[in-house]
Structure formats: structure tokens, C-alpha cells
Amino acid sequence: MCAANAKATPKEGQRALNHAIFVMLAPPVAIMIFGFGFAIRYGKRRDRENDDNSD
């Protein structure tokens, strides 16, 4: 139903919907990328600390 309504709108309205979807999608994607990067960084630091303590 949403897709049918979106197709029925003029081209400018469709572009506005696409833009709005991108704007709403950007923050969650950015948060996930930040979280993934933080997890990788924390994991590498933890591994380095464990290697230093095992000597």
C-alpha cells in the first residue's frame, strides 16, 4: 500500500521521500559503524594487554 501511494506521487514527491528515507537511515547506520569501530578498537587493545601480561 505504501509503495502504491509513493508511485502515485509526482517525481518531485518521490525524490523527497527518497531523501527523507536516507536522512532517517543515516543516524542509525552511523551509530552502528561507530559501535563496530569501537568494539574492534577495544578488542585489539584488550588483546595487546593480554599479550603483555602473559610474558
Protein backbone atom coordinates (compact mmCIF):
# COMPACT_ATOMS: atom_id res chain seq x y z
CA MET A 1 0.00 0.00 0.00
CA CYS A 2 2.81 2.43 0.84
CA ALA A 3 4.63 1.59 -2.38
CA ALA A 4 1.46 2.18 -4.40
CA ASN A 5 0.95 5.57 -2.75
CA ALA A 6 4.59 6.51 -3.31
CA LYS A 7 4.36 5.57 -7.00
CA ALA A 8 1.25 7.71 -7.37
CA THR A 9 3.05 10.85 -6.18
CA PRO A 10 4.80 13.17 -8.64
CA LYS A 11 8.53 12.71 -9.34
CA GLU A 12 9.47 15.56 -7.02
CA GLY A 13 7.48 13.94 -4.21
CA GLN A 14 9.21 10.61 -4.86
CA ARG A 15 12.60 12.33 -4.62
CA ALA A 16 11.53 13.95 -1.35
CA LEU A 17 10.50 10.56 0.03
CA ASN A 18 13.82 9.01 -1.01
CA HIS A 19 15.69 11.90 0.60
CA ALA A 20 13.65 11.56 3.81
CA ILE A 21 14.36 7.83 3.97
CA PHE A 22 18.09 8.49 3.58
CA VAL A 23 18.03 11.19 6.27
CA MET A 24 16.23 8.86 8.70
CA LEU A 25 18.55 5.96 7.88
CA ALA A 26 21.85 7.85 8.23
CA PRO A 27 21.97 8.22 12.06
CA PRO A 28 21.36 4.52 12.88
CA VAL A 29 23.94 3.47 10.29
CA ALA A 30 26.46 5.96 11.69
CA ILE A 31 25.83 4.70 15.24
CA MET A 32 26.33 1.10 14.12
CA ILE A 33 29.58 1.96 12.32
CA PHE A 34 30.83 3.84 15.39
CA GLY A 35 29.88 0.93 17.66
CA PHE A 36 31.56 -1.61 15.40
CA GLY A 37 34.72 0.51 15.22
CA PHE A 38 34.72 0.94 18.99
CA ALA A 39 34.34 -2.82 19.50
CA ILE A 40 37.23 -3.57 17.13
CA ARG A 41 39.42 -0.97 18.84
CA TYR A 42 38.55 -2.25 22.32
CA GLY A 43 39.19 -5.85 21.25
CA LYS A 44 42.62 -5.03 19.83
CA ARG A 45 43.58 -3.10 22.97
CA ARG A 46 42.41 -5.98 25.17
CA ASP A 47 44.40 -8.47 23.11
CA ARG A 48 47.54 -6.30 23.37
CA GLU A 49 47.11 -6.02 27.16
CA ASN A 50 46.64 -9.79 27.48
CA ASP A 51 49.76 -10.43 25.37
CA ASP A 52 51.79 -8.03 27.56
CA ASN A 53 50.58 -9.68 30.79
CA SER A 54 51.35 -13.24 29.61
CA ASP A 55 55.11 -12.60 29.48
